[in-house]
Amino acid sequence: MAESGYDGDRVTVVPNGVPTSANGRDDRLPTAPWILGTVALFRPRKGTEVLIEALAKLKARGVDVRLRAVGGFETTAYQSQLKSLAEELDVASQIDWVGFTDDVPSELTKMDLFVLPSLFGEGLPMVILEAMAAGVPNVATQLLGVPEAIRDGIDGVLTEPGDATDLADGIHRIVRGDLNWYSLRESALRRHDNHFSDFSMARGVADVYQKLLR
């Protein structure tokens, strides 16, 4: 808006917020195999192919992980494409295709890391906020609004879109302990509470009204 000529003092951003999870993931440190989770309507721009390639790279390094993929497929053709790729890269046995659910919070409790491998088209994805609220650290591509929520190495890990090696490296940094999983989790929970909760969103909207009414 400012770049379009509007006075920056007249522009206020109130980030979306999601409620704190009543039954988030517990704080027990993950043990092998680590459960990587992703939630989406699976379609090309979500970058699931890149995640499957990263899974294969981690397997080649001897990293013990599984992928829990939650959501439906945009088309049956794309479903076949993803599953064929998993077979080709010899990681099909490491992927649990859960399918559609209307209880994402419950699924998040079963994950050790949440992975968002999107290639484009993301603003501030609600699902990464939901993962933060549930105490699940994010490994996500640094698109548009994503870095506004996740600070690399503090609340999670940011990687380059479309780069399977970088995605595998980001996951590996946490699994091998270069970054402390518990510290990432606690930082993400605090950041959600302060900036991306339903209460922080309500406070932000109320502040706008109070400023205008004065």
N, C-alpha and C. Protein backbone atom coordinates (compact mmCIF):
# COMPACT_ATOMS: atom_id res chain seq x y z
N MET A 1 0.84 -1.20 0.00
CA MET A 1 0.00 0.00 0.00
C MET A 1 0.87 1.25 0.00
N ALA A 2 1.94 1.24 0.82
CA ALA A 2 2.83 2.39 0.88
C ALA A 2 3.51 2.60 -0.47
N GLU A 3 3.93 1.50 -1.09
CA GLU A 3 4.58 1.61 -2.40
C GLU A 3 3.62 2.11 -3.47
N SER A 4 2.31 1.97 -3.24
CA SER A 4 1.31 2.46 -4.18
C SER A 4 0.95 3.92 -3.94
N GLY A 5 1.60 4.52 -2.94
CA GLY A 5 1.39 5.95 -2.72
C GLY A 5 0.59 6.31 -1.49
N TYR A 6 0.11 5.33 -0.75
CA TYR A 6 -0.65 5.65 0.46
C TYR A 6 0.29 6.02 1.60
N ASP A 7 -0.17 6.91 2.45
CA ASP A 7 0.59 7.32 3.62
C ASP A 7 0.78 6.12 4.55
N GLY A 8 2.02 5.78 4.83
CA GLY A 8 2.29 4.62 5.67
C GLY A 8 1.67 4.70 7.04
N ASP A 9 1.46 5.94 7.54
CA ASP A 9 0.86 6.10 8.87
C ASP A 9 -0.61 5.69 8.88
N ARG A 10 -1.20 5.56 7.69
CA ARG A 10 -2.62 5.20 7.63
C ARG A 10 -2.80 3.69 7.42
N VAL A 11 -1.70 2.98 7.35
CA VAL A 11 -1.77 1.54 7.09
C VAL A 11 -1.38 0.77 8.36
N THR A 12 -2.23 -0.14 8.77
CA THR A 12 -1.96 -0.98 9.93
C THR A 12 -2.16 -2.44 9.54
N VAL A 13 -1.21 -3.27 9.92
CA VAL A 13 -1.33 -4.71 9.64
C VAL A 13 -1.69 -5.44 10.93
N VAL A 14 -2.75 -6.20 10.88
CA VAL A 14 -3.13 -7.07 11.99
C VAL A 14 -3.06 -8.50 11.46
N PRO A 15 -2.05 -9.26 11.85
CA PRO A 15 -1.91 -10.63 11.33
C PRO A 15 -3.08 -11.51 11.74
N ASN A 16 -3.40 -12.46 10.90
CA ASN A 16 -4.36 -13.49 11.27
C ASN A 16 -3.87 -14.23 12.51
N GLY A 17 -4.82 -14.76 13.24
CA GLY A 17 -4.46 -15.54 14.42
C GLY A 17 -5.29 -16.80 14.50
N VAL A 18 -4.76 -17.79 15.19
CA VAL A 18 -5.49 -19.04 15.44
C VAL A 18 -5.45 -19.32 16.93
N PRO A 19 -6.47 -20.00 17.45
CA PRO A 19 -6.49 -20.28 18.90
C PRO A 19 -5.34 -21.18 19.32
N THR A 20 -4.94 -21.01 20.56
CA THR A 20 -3.97 -21.94 21.14
C THR A 20 -4.60 -23.32 21.19
N SER A 21 -3.83 -24.32 20.83
CA SER A 21 -4.35 -25.67 20.79
C SER A 21 -4.58 -26.19 22.21
N ALA A 22 -5.81 -26.67 22.45
CA ALA A 22 -6.14 -27.20 23.77
C ALA A 22 -5.39 -28.50 24.06
N ASN A 23 -5.11 -29.27 23.01
CA ASN A 23 -4.41 -30.55 23.17
C ASN A 23 -3.30 -30.64 22.13
N GLY A 24 -2.30 -29.77 22.27
CA GLY A 24 -1.19 -29.77 21.32
C GLY A 24 -0.25 -30.94 21.52
N ARG A 25 0.80 -30.95 20.72
CA ARG A 25 1.79 -32.02 20.86
C ARG A 25 2.48 -31.88 22.19
N ASP A 26 2.75 -33.03 22.85
CA ASP A 26 3.44 -32.96 24.13
C ASP A 26 4.90 -32.55 23.91
N ASP A 27 5.60 -32.28 25.00
CA ASP A 27 6.95 -31.74 24.88
C ASP A 27 8.04 -32.80 24.97
N ARG A 28 7.67 -34.05 24.79
CA ARG A 28 8.70 -35.11 24.78
C ARG A 28 9.54 -35.01 23.51
N LEU A 29 10.84 -35.10 23.68
CA LEU A 29 11.72 -35.00 22.53
C LEU A 29 11.45 -36.15 21.57
N PRO A 30 11.46 -35.88 20.26
CA PRO A 30 11.21 -36.94 19.27
C PRO A 30 12.26 -38.03 19.34
N THR A 31 11.85 -39.23 19.01
CA THR A 31 12.76 -40.36 18.87
C THR A 31 12.55 -40.96 17.48
N ALA A 32 13.54 -41.70 17.01
CA ALA A 32 13.46 -42.28 15.66
C ALA A 32 12.34 -43.33 15.60
N PRO A 33 11.62 -43.37 14.49
CA PRO A 33 11.73 -42.43 13.38
C PRO A 33 11.01 -41.11 13.67
N TRP A 34 11.62 -40.00 13.26
CA TRP A 34 10.96 -38.71 13.38
C TRP A 34 9.77 -38.67 12.42
N ILE A 35 8.67 -38.09 12.88
CA ILE A 35 7.49 -37.98 12.03
C ILE A 35 7.41 -36.58 11.44
N LEU A 36 7.63 -36.50 10.14
CA LEU A 36 7.45 -35.24 9.41
C LEU A 36 5.99 -35.19 8.98
N GLY A 37 5.36 -34.05 9.17
CA GLY A 37 3.96 -33.93 8.78
C GLY A 37 3.75 -32.80 7.79
N THR A 38 2.76 -32.97 6.94
CA THR A 38 2.34 -31.88 6.06
C THR A 38 0.84 -32.00 5.89
N VAL A 39 0.18 -30.83 5.74
CA VAL A 39 -1.27 -30.78 5.59
C VAL A 39 -1.58 -29.88 4.41
N ALA A 40 -2.35 -30.38 3.45
CA ALA A 40 -2.65 -29.58 2.26
C ALA A 40 -3.72 -30.26 1.43
N LEU A 41 -4.28 -29.48 0.51
CA LEU A 41 -4.93 -30.07 -0.65
C LEU A 41 -3.79 -30.25 -1.64
N PHE A 42 -3.40 -31.48 -1.88
CA PHE A 42 -2.18 -31.74 -2.64
C PHE A 42 -2.39 -31.40 -4.12
N ARG A 43 -1.63 -30.41 -4.57
CA ARG A 43 -1.64 -29.94 -5.95
C ARG A 43 -0.24 -29.41 -6.25
N PRO A 44 0.10 -29.20 -7.52
CA PRO A 44 1.49 -28.91 -7.88
C PRO A 44 2.14 -27.76 -7.12
N ARG A 45 1.42 -26.67 -6.87
CA ARG A 45 2.07 -25.52 -6.24
C ARG A 45 2.44 -25.77 -4.78
N LYS A 46 1.93 -26.87 -4.19
CA LYS A 46 2.25 -27.18 -2.80
C LYS A 46 3.64 -27.80 -2.64
N GLY A 47 4.26 -28.20 -3.75
CA GLY A 47 5.65 -28.66 -3.68
C GLY A 47 5.85 -30.01 -3.05
N THR A 48 4.84 -30.86 -3.07
CA THR A 48 4.96 -32.16 -2.41
C THR A 48 6.02 -33.03 -3.08
N GLU A 49 6.20 -32.85 -4.40
CA GLU A 49 7.27 -33.58 -5.09
C GLU A 49 8.62 -33.27 -4.46
N VAL A 50 8.84 -32.00 -4.11
CA VAL A 50 10.10 -31.59 -3.51
C VAL A 50 10.27 -32.25 -2.14
N LEU A 51 9.19 -32.36 -1.40
CA LEU A 51 9.25 -33.01 -0.09
C LEU A 51 9.57 -34.49 -0.24
N ILE A 52 8.99 -35.14 -1.24
CA ILE A 52 9.28 -36.57 -1.47
C ILE A 52 10.75 -36.74 -1.86
N GLU A 53 11.26 -35.83 -2.69
CA GLU A 53 12.68 -35.88 -3.07
C GLU A 53 13.57 -35.66 -1.84
N ALA A 54 13.16 -34.73 -0.96
CA ALA A 54 13.93 -34.48 0.26
C ALA A 54 13.93 -35.72 1.15
N LEU A 55 12.80 -36.41 1.19
CA LEU A 55 12.70 -37.64 1.98
C LEU A 55 13.70 -38.68 1.47
N ALA A 56 13.83 -38.77 0.15
CA ALA A 56 14.79 -39.71 -0.44
C ALA A 56 16.23 -39.32 -0.10
N LYS A 57 16.51 -38.01 -0.09
CA LYS A 57 17.85 -37.55 0.26
C LYS A 57 18.17 -37.85 1.72
N LEU A 58 17.19 -37.70 2.58
CA LEU A 58 17.40 -38.01 3.99
C LEU A 58 17.63 -39.51 4.18
N LYS A 59 16.89 -40.31 3.44
CA LYS A 59 17.09 -41.77 3.51
C LYS A 59 18.50 -42.13 3.09
N ALA A 60 19.00 -41.49 2.04
CA ALA A 60 20.36 -41.77 1.56
C ALA A 60 21.42 -41.41 2.61
N ARG A 61 21.09 -40.46 3.47
CA ARG A 61 22.01 -40.06 4.53
C ARG A 61 21.86 -40.93 5.79
N GLY A 62 20.89 -41.84 5.77
CA GLY A 62 20.66 -42.68 6.92
C GLY A 62 19.83 -42.03 8.01
N VAL A 63 19.07 -40.99 7.64
CA VAL A 63 18.23 -40.29 8.61
C VAL A 63 16.88 -41.00 8.69
N ASP A 64 16.49 -41.40 9.89
CA ASP A 64 15.29 -42.22 10.08
C ASP A 64 14.07 -41.31 10.28
N VAL A 65 13.32 -41.10 9.20
CA VAL A 65 12.12 -40.25 9.25
C VAL A 65 10.99 -40.92 8.48
N ARG A 66 9.78 -40.53 8.83
CA ARG A 66 8.58 -40.91 8.08
C ARG A 66 7.82 -39.64 7.75
N LEU A 67 6.98 -39.71 6.72
CA LEU A 67 6.16 -38.58 6.32
C LEU A 67 4.69 -38.92 6.54
N ARG A 68 3.98 -38.05 7.25
CA ARG A 68 2.54 -38.19 7.45
C ARG A 68 1.87 -37.07 6.64
N ALA A 69 1.26 -37.46 5.53
CA ALA A 69 0.68 -36.50 4.59
C ALA A 69 -0.83 -36.47 4.77
N VAL A 70 -1.34 -35.33 5.24
CA VAL A 70 -2.75 -35.20 5.59
C VAL A 70 -3.45 -34.30 4.57
N GLY A 71 -4.49 -34.84 3.92
CA GLY A 71 -5.25 -34.05 2.97
C GLY A 71 -5.58 -34.85 1.72
N GLY A 72 -6.48 -34.30 0.93
CA GLY A 72 -6.86 -34.95 -0.31
C GLY A 72 -6.02 -34.46 -1.48
N PHE A 73 -6.28 -35.04 -2.64
CA PHE A 73 -5.57 -34.69 -3.86
C PHE A 73 -6.48 -33.89 -4.77
N GLU A 74 -5.89 -32.92 -5.48
CA GLU A 74 -6.69 -32.10 -6.39
C GLU A 74 -7.26 -32.94 -7.52
N THR A 75 -6.45 -33.89 -8.04
CA THR A 75 -6.90 -34.78 -9.10
C THR A 75 -6.34 -36.18 -8.87
N THR A 76 -6.98 -37.17 -9.43
CA THR A 76 -6.45 -38.53 -9.33
C THR A 76 -5.15 -38.67 -10.11
N ALA A 77 -5.04 -37.90 -11.20
CA ALA A 77 -3.80 -37.94 -11.99
C ALA A 77 -2.62 -37.46 -11.15
N TYR A 78 -2.83 -36.41 -10.38
CA TYR A 78 -1.74 -35.89 -9.55
C TYR A 78 -1.43 -36.85 -8.40
N GLN A 79 -2.46 -37.49 -7.88
CA GLN A 79 -2.25 -38.51 -6.86
C GLN A 79 -1.35 -39.62 -7.39
N SER A 80 -1.63 -40.09 -8.59
CA SER A 80 -0.82 -41.14 -9.20
C SER A 80 0.60 -40.66 -9.43
N GLN A 81 0.74 -39.40 -9.82
CA GLN A 81 2.07 -38.84 -10.09
C GLN A 81 2.93 -38.83 -8.82
N LEU A 82 2.34 -38.39 -7.72
CA LEU A 82 3.09 -38.33 -6.47
C LEU A 82 3.46 -39.73 -5.97
N LYS A 83 2.52 -40.65 -6.05
CA LYS A 83 2.78 -42.00 -5.54
C LYS A 83 3.78 -42.73 -6.43
N SER A 84 3.76 -42.44 -7.72
CA SER A 84 4.74 -43.04 -8.63
C SER A 84 6.14 -42.51 -8.33
N LEU A 85 6.22 -41.21 -8.03
CA LEU A 85 7.52 -40.63 -7.67
C LEU A 85 8.06 -41.26 -6.40
N ALA A 86 7.18 -41.47 -5.42
CA ALA A 86 7.62 -42.09 -4.17
C ALA A 86 8.13 -43.51 -4.41
N GLU A 87 7.46 -44.25 -5.29
CA GLU A 87 7.93 -45.60 -5.64
C GLU A 87 9.27 -45.54 -6.35
N GLU A 88 9.39 -44.61 -7.29
CA GLU A 88 10.62 -44.48 -8.07
C GLU A 88 11.82 -44.15 -7.18
N LEU A 89 11.59 -43.32 -6.15
CA LEU A 89 12.67 -42.91 -5.26
C LEU A 89 12.81 -43.84 -4.05
N ASP A 90 12.02 -44.92 -4.03
CA ASP A 90 12.10 -45.95 -2.99
C ASP A 90 11.81 -45.40 -1.59
N VAL A 91 10.82 -44.51 -1.50
CA VAL A 91 10.42 -44.00 -0.19
C VAL A 91 8.91 -44.21 0.07
N ALA A 92 8.25 -44.96 -0.81
CA ALA A 92 6.80 -45.16 -0.67
C ALA A 92 6.45 -45.77 0.68
N SER A 93 7.29 -46.66 1.19
CA SER A 93 7.00 -47.33 2.46
C SER A 93 7.17 -46.40 3.66
N GLN A 94 7.76 -45.21 3.43
CA GLN A 94 7.97 -44.25 4.52
C GLN A 94 6.89 -43.17 4.55
N ILE A 95 5.89 -43.27 3.68
CA ILE A 95 4.86 -42.23 3.59
C ILE A 95 3.51 -42.81 3.99
N ASP A 96 2.84 -42.14 4.90
CA ASP A 96 1.47 -42.48 5.27
C ASP A 96 0.55 -41.42 4.68
N TRP A 97 -0.23 -41.79 3.66
CA TRP A 97 -1.19 -40.88 3.06
C TRP A 97 -2.48 -40.96 3.87
N VAL A 98 -2.72 -39.99 4.72
CA VAL A 98 -3.82 -40.05 5.68
C VAL A 98 -5.16 -39.73 5.02
N GLY A 99 -5.14 -38.85 4.02
CA GLY A 99 -6.38 -38.42 3.40
C GLY A 99 -6.98 -37.22 4.11
N PHE A 100 -8.18 -36.85 3.69
CA PHE A 100 -8.85 -35.67 4.24
C PHE A 100 -9.26 -35.90 5.69
N THR A 101 -9.15 -34.83 6.49
CA THR A 101 -9.65 -34.86 7.86
C THR A 101 -10.22 -33.49 8.20
N ASP A 102 -11.22 -33.47 9.06
CA ASP A 102 -11.73 -32.19 9.57
C ASP A 102 -11.21 -31.93 10.98
N ASP A 103 -10.20 -32.70 11.38
CA ASP A 103 -9.60 -32.53 12.71
C ASP A 103 -8.08 -32.40 12.57
N VAL A 104 -7.66 -31.28 11.99
CA VAL A 104 -6.22 -31.05 11.82
C VAL A 104 -5.49 -30.96 13.16
N PRO A 105 -6.05 -30.30 14.19
CA PRO A 105 -5.33 -30.24 15.47
C PRO A 105 -4.94 -31.62 16.00
N SER A 106 -5.82 -32.61 15.84
CA SER A 106 -5.50 -33.96 16.30
C SER A 106 -4.33 -34.54 15.51
N GLU A 107 -4.30 -34.28 14.20
CA GLU A 107 -3.20 -34.78 13.37
C GLU A 107 -1.88 -34.14 13.76
N LEU A 108 -1.90 -32.86 14.12
CA LEU A 108 -0.67 -32.16 14.47
C LEU A 108 -0.01 -32.78 15.70
N THR A 109 -0.79 -33.35 16.60
CA THR A 109 -0.21 -33.96 17.80
C THR A 109 0.62 -35.20 17.47
N LYS A 110 0.46 -35.74 16.26
CA LYS A 110 1.18 -36.94 15.86
C LYS A 110 2.47 -36.62 15.10
N MET A 111 2.79 -35.33 14.96
CA MET A 111 3.94 -34.90 14.16
C MET A 111 5.05 -34.35 15.06
N ASP A 112 6.30 -34.59 14.62
CA ASP A 112 7.46 -34.02 15.32
C ASP A 112 7.91 -32.72 14.66
N LEU A 113 7.80 -32.65 13.35
CA LEU A 113 8.10 -31.43 12.59
C LEU A 113 7.00 -31.24 11.56
N PHE A 114 6.59 -29.99 11.35
CA PHE A 114 5.65 -29.69 10.28
C PHE A 114 6.43 -29.14 9.09
N VAL A 115 6.16 -29.65 7.90
CA VAL A 115 6.90 -29.23 6.70
C VAL A 115 5.94 -28.59 5.71
N LEU A 116 6.27 -27.36 5.31
CA LEU A 116 5.51 -26.65 4.28
C LEU A 116 6.44 -26.42 3.09
N PRO A 117 6.36 -27.26 2.03
CA PRO A 117 7.31 -27.15 0.91
C PRO A 117 6.78 -26.34 -0.27
N SER A 118 5.80 -25.46 -0.05
CA SER A 118 5.13 -24.76 -1.14
C SER A 118 6.11 -24.04 -2.06
N LEU A 119 5.73 -23.97 -3.34
CA LEU A 119 6.56 -23.34 -4.36
C LEU A 119 6.20 -21.89 -4.58
N PHE A 120 4.93 -21.54 -4.43
CA PHE A 120 4.46 -20.17 -4.59
C PHE A 120 3.02 -20.11 -4.09
N GLY A 121 2.43 -18.92 -4.11
CA GLY A 121 1.01 -18.78 -3.83
C GLY A 121 0.63 -18.81 -2.36
N GLU A 122 1.60 -18.60 -1.45
CA GLU A 122 1.27 -18.56 -0.04
C GLU A 122 1.36 -17.11 0.47
N GLY A 123 0.41 -16.71 1.29
CA GLY A 123 0.50 -15.42 1.96
C GLY A 123 1.07 -15.66 3.35
N LEU A 124 0.19 -15.72 4.33
CA LEU A 124 0.56 -16.15 5.68
C LEU A 124 -0.24 -17.42 5.95
N PRO A 125 0.31 -18.59 5.64
CA PRO A 125 -0.47 -19.83 5.72
C PRO A 125 -0.98 -20.11 7.13
N MET A 126 -2.28 -20.34 7.24
CA MET A 126 -2.88 -20.63 8.55
C MET A 126 -2.29 -21.89 9.15
N VAL A 127 -1.93 -22.85 8.29
CA VAL A 127 -1.48 -24.14 8.82
C VAL A 127 -0.15 -24.01 9.56
N ILE A 128 0.72 -23.08 9.18
CA ILE A 128 1.97 -22.93 9.95
C ILE A 128 1.68 -22.28 11.30
N LEU A 129 0.66 -21.43 11.35
CA LEU A 129 0.26 -20.86 12.64
C LEU A 129 -0.36 -21.93 13.52
N GLU A 130 -1.14 -22.83 12.91
CA GLU A 130 -1.73 -23.93 13.67
C GLU A 130 -0.65 -24.85 14.22
N ALA A 131 0.40 -25.09 13.42
CA ALA A 131 1.51 -25.93 13.90
C ALA A 131 2.22 -25.25 15.06
N MET A 132 2.46 -23.94 14.95
CA MET A 132 3.09 -23.20 16.05
C MET A 132 2.24 -23.31 17.31
N ALA A 133 0.92 -23.13 17.15
CA ALA A 133 0.01 -23.18 18.30
C ALA A 133 0.00 -24.55 18.96
N ALA A 134 0.28 -25.59 18.17
CA ALA A 134 0.28 -26.95 18.69
C ALA A 134 1.64 -27.38 19.22
N GLY A 135 2.64 -26.49 19.14
CA GLY A 135 3.97 -26.83 19.63
C GLY A 135 4.75 -27.73 18.71
N VAL A 136 4.49 -27.60 17.39
CA VAL A 136 5.21 -28.40 16.40
C VAL A 136 6.08 -27.45 15.57
N PRO A 137 7.42 -27.54 15.67
CA PRO A 137 8.28 -26.65 14.90
C PRO A 137 8.07 -26.81 13.39
N ASN A 138 8.21 -25.70 12.66
CA ASN A 138 8.02 -25.68 11.22
C ASN A 138 9.34 -25.70 10.46
N VAL A 139 9.36 -26.43 9.36
CA VAL A 139 10.38 -26.28 8.32
C VAL A 139 9.60 -25.86 7.08
N ALA A 140 9.80 -24.63 6.64
CA ALA A 140 8.94 -24.07 5.60
C ALA A 140 9.74 -23.27 4.59
N THR A 141 9.21 -23.20 3.37
CA THR A 141 9.84 -22.38 2.34
C THR A 141 9.56 -20.91 2.61
N GLN A 142 10.57 -20.07 2.33
CA GLN A 142 10.47 -18.66 2.69
C GLN A 142 9.76 -17.87 1.60
N LEU A 143 8.44 -18.00 1.62
CA LEU A 143 7.57 -17.33 0.66
C LEU A 143 6.81 -16.21 1.35
N LEU A 144 6.79 -15.04 0.76
CA LEU A 144 5.91 -13.94 1.14
C LEU A 144 5.77 -13.78 2.65
N GLY A 145 4.62 -14.16 3.21
CA GLY A 145 4.40 -13.91 4.63
C GLY A 145 5.00 -14.93 5.57
N VAL A 146 5.53 -16.04 5.06
CA VAL A 146 6.04 -17.09 5.95
C VAL A 146 7.14 -16.58 6.89
N PRO A 147 8.14 -15.80 6.38
CA PRO A 147 9.18 -15.31 7.29
C PRO A 147 8.68 -14.30 8.32
N GLU A 148 7.48 -13.76 8.13
CA GLU A 148 6.92 -12.88 9.15
C GLU A 148 6.52 -13.68 10.40
N ALA A 149 6.21 -14.95 10.20
CA ALA A 149 5.83 -15.80 11.33
C ALA A 149 7.03 -16.58 11.86
N ILE A 150 7.82 -17.16 10.98
CA ILE A 150 8.90 -18.05 11.38
C ILE A 150 10.24 -17.36 11.19
N ARG A 151 10.99 -17.26 12.27
CA ARG A 151 12.36 -16.72 12.19
C ARG A 151 13.32 -17.90 12.10
N ASP A 152 14.13 -17.89 11.05
CA ASP A 152 15.01 -19.03 10.78
C ASP A 152 15.96 -19.30 11.94
N GLY A 153 15.95 -20.54 12.42
CA GLY A 153 16.82 -20.94 13.50
C GLY A 153 16.33 -20.55 14.88
N ILE A 154 15.17 -19.85 14.94
CA ILE A 154 14.63 -19.42 16.23
C ILE A 154 13.30 -20.12 16.52
N ASP A 155 12.36 -19.98 15.57
CA ASP A 155 11.05 -20.60 15.73
C ASP A 155 10.88 -21.82 14.83
N GLY A 156 11.82 -22.02 13.92
CA GLY A 156 11.75 -23.10 12.93
C GLY A 156 12.88 -22.92 11.94
N VAL A 157 12.70 -23.46 10.75
CA VAL A 157 13.73 -23.36 9.72
C VAL A 157 13.08 -22.91 8.41
N LEU A 158 13.75 -22.00 7.70
CA LEU A 158 13.28 -21.53 6.40
C LEU A 158 14.20 -22.07 5.31
N THR A 159 13.60 -22.51 4.20
CA THR A 159 14.37 -23.08 3.10
C THR A 159 13.93 -22.45 1.78
N GLU A 160 14.71 -22.70 0.73
CA GLU A 160 14.42 -22.15 -0.58
C GLU A 160 13.35 -22.97 -1.29
N PRO A 161 12.36 -22.32 -1.87
CA PRO A 161 11.32 -23.05 -2.62
C PRO A 161 11.92 -23.86 -3.76
N GLY A 162 11.45 -25.09 -3.94
CA GLY A 162 11.86 -25.91 -5.06
C GLY A 162 13.21 -26.58 -4.91
N ASP A 163 13.86 -26.43 -3.77
CA ASP A 163 15.21 -26.97 -3.56
C ASP A 163 15.13 -28.13 -2.58
N ALA A 164 15.12 -29.36 -3.10
CA ALA A 164 14.98 -30.54 -2.25
C ALA A 164 16.17 -30.72 -1.32
N THR A 165 17.36 -30.37 -1.79
CA THR A 165 18.56 -30.50 -0.95
C THR A 165 18.49 -29.54 0.23
N ASP A 166 18.08 -28.31 -0.03
CA ASP A 166 17.96 -27.32 1.04
C ASP A 166 16.88 -27.74 2.04
N LEU A 167 15.78 -28.30 1.52
CA LEU A 167 14.71 -28.77 2.41
C LEU A 167 15.21 -29.92 3.28
N ALA A 168 15.92 -30.87 2.67
CA ALA A 168 16.48 -31.98 3.43
C ALA A 168 17.48 -31.47 4.47
N ASP A 169 18.30 -30.50 4.08
CA ASP A 169 19.27 -29.92 5.03
C ASP A 169 18.57 -29.26 6.21
N GLY A 170 17.48 -28.54 5.92
CA GLY A 170 16.75 -27.87 6.99
C GLY A 170 16.17 -28.84 7.98
N ILE A 171 15.59 -29.92 7.48
CA ILE A 171 15.06 -30.96 8.36
C ILE A 171 16.18 -31.62 9.16
N HIS A 172 17.28 -31.90 8.47
CA HIS A 172 18.41 -32.60 9.08
C HIS A 172 19.04 -31.77 10.20
N ARG A 173 19.05 -30.44 10.06
CA ARG A 173 19.61 -29.56 11.10
C ARG A 173 18.93 -29.81 12.44
N ILE A 174 17.64 -30.08 12.40
CA ILE A 174 16.89 -30.29 13.64
C ILE A 174 17.05 -31.73 14.12
N VAL A 175 16.93 -32.68 13.19
CA VAL A 175 16.98 -34.10 13.58
C VAL A 175 18.33 -34.45 14.21
N ARG A 176 19.41 -33.92 13.66
CA ARG A 176 20.73 -34.28 14.20
C ARG A 176 21.13 -33.40 15.38
N GLY A 177 20.31 -32.39 15.73
CA GLY A 177 20.56 -31.61 16.93
C GLY A 177 21.33 -30.33 16.73
N ASP A 178 21.61 -29.93 15.49
CA ASP A 178 22.26 -28.64 15.27
C ASP A 178 21.38 -27.52 15.83
N LEU A 179 20.08 -27.69 15.69
CA LEU A 179 19.11 -26.81 16.31
C LEU A 179 18.33 -27.63 17.32
N ASN A 180 18.10 -27.07 18.48
CA ASN A 180 17.43 -27.79 19.56
C ASN A 180 15.92 -27.80 19.33
N TRP A 181 15.34 -28.99 19.18
CA TRP A 181 13.91 -29.11 18.91
C TRP A 181 13.08 -28.46 19.99
N TYR A 182 13.44 -28.69 21.24
CA TYR A 182 12.65 -28.15 22.35
C TYR A 182 12.68 -26.62 22.35
N SER A 183 13.85 -26.03 22.07
CA SER A 183 13.96 -24.57 22.04
C SER A 183 13.13 -23.98 20.90
N LEU A 184 13.16 -24.64 19.74
CA LEU A 184 12.33 -24.19 18.61
C LEU A 184 10.86 -24.23 18.99
N ARG A 185 10.46 -25.31 19.60
CA ARG A 185 9.06 -25.49 20.02
C ARG A 185 8.63 -24.38 20.98
N GLU A 186 9.44 -24.14 22.02
CA GLU A 186 9.07 -23.14 23.03
C GLU A 186 9.03 -21.74 22.43
N SER A 187 9.96 -21.44 21.55
CA SER A 187 9.97 -20.13 20.89
C SER A 187 8.76 -19.96 20.00
N ALA A 188 8.39 -21.02 19.26
CA ALA A 188 7.21 -20.96 18.39
C ALA A 188 5.94 -20.75 19.20
N LEU A 189 5.83 -21.44 20.34
CA LEU A 189 4.66 -21.28 21.20
C LEU A 189 4.54 -19.84 21.71
N ARG A 190 5.67 -19.26 22.13
CA ARG A 190 5.65 -17.88 22.62
C ARG A 190 5.31 -16.90 21.50
N ARG A 191 5.90 -17.13 20.33
CA ARG A 191 5.65 -16.22 19.21
C ARG A 191 4.18 -16.29 18.78
N HIS A 192 3.64 -17.48 18.75
CA HIS A 192 2.21 -17.61 18.44
C HIS A 192 1.38 -16.84 19.46
N ASP A 193 1.67 -17.05 20.74
CA ASP A 193 0.87 -16.42 21.79
C ASP A 193 0.93 -14.89 21.70
N ASN A 194 2.11 -14.36 21.37
CA ASN A 194 2.29 -12.91 21.35
C ASN A 194 1.81 -12.24 20.07
N HIS A 195 1.89 -12.95 18.94
CA HIS A 195 1.66 -12.28 17.65
C HIS A 195 0.61 -12.93 16.76
N PHE A 196 0.32 -14.22 16.94
CA PHE A 196 -0.52 -14.92 15.96
C PHE A 196 -1.64 -15.74 16.60
N SER A 197 -2.04 -15.36 17.80
CA SER A 197 -3.16 -16.04 18.45
C SER A 197 -4.46 -15.31 18.13
N ASP A 198 -5.60 -15.94 18.47
CA ASP A 198 -6.88 -15.27 18.29
C ASP A 198 -6.96 -14.02 19.17
N PHE A 199 -6.35 -14.07 20.36
CA PHE A 199 -6.38 -12.91 21.26
C PHE A 199 -5.52 -11.76 20.72
N SER A 200 -4.33 -12.09 20.18
CA SER A 200 -3.49 -11.02 19.63
C SER A 200 -4.16 -10.38 18.43
N MET A 201 -4.86 -11.17 17.61
CA MET A 201 -5.58 -10.62 16.47
C MET A 201 -6.70 -9.70 16.95
N ALA A 202 -7.43 -10.12 17.97
CA ALA A 202 -8.52 -9.30 18.52
C ALA A 202 -7.97 -7.99 19.09
N ARG A 203 -6.84 -8.08 19.81
CA ARG A 203 -6.23 -6.87 20.35
C ARG A 203 -5.82 -5.92 19.23
N GLY A 204 -5.26 -6.48 18.15
CA GLY A 204 -4.82 -5.65 17.04
C GLY A 204 -5.98 -4.92 16.37
N VAL A 205 -7.09 -5.62 16.17
CA VAL A 205 -8.28 -5.00 15.57
C VAL A 205 -8.84 -3.93 16.50
N ALA A 206 -8.91 -4.24 17.81
CA ALA A 206 -9.43 -3.27 18.77
C ALA A 206 -8.57 -2.02 18.80
N ASP A 207 -7.25 -2.19 18.68
CA ASP A 207 -6.35 -1.02 18.68
C ASP A 207 -6.63 -0.11 17.49
N VAL A 208 -6.95 -0.70 16.34
CA VAL A 208 -7.26 0.10 15.16
C VAL A 208 -8.51 0.95 15.42
N TYR A 209 -9.54 0.34 15.98
CA TYR A 209 -10.77 1.07 16.28
C TYR A 209 -10.51 2.18 17.29
N GLN A 210 -9.74 1.87 18.32
CA GLN A 210 -9.46 2.87 19.35
C GLN A 210 -8.69 4.06 18.78
N LYS A 211 -7.73 3.76 17.91
CA LYS A 211 -6.95 4.83 17.28
C LYS A 211 -7.86 5.72 16.42
N LEU A 212 -8.74 5.11 15.65
CA LEU A 212 -9.62 5.89 14.77
C LEU A 212 -10.66 6.67 15.58
N LEU A 213 -11.20 6.06 16.63
CA LEU A 213 -12.24 6.74 17.42
C LEU A 213 -11.67 7.92 18.21
N ARG A 214 -10.38 7.87 18.55
CA ARG A 214 -9.77 9.01 19.20
C ARG A 214 -9.64 10.19 18.25
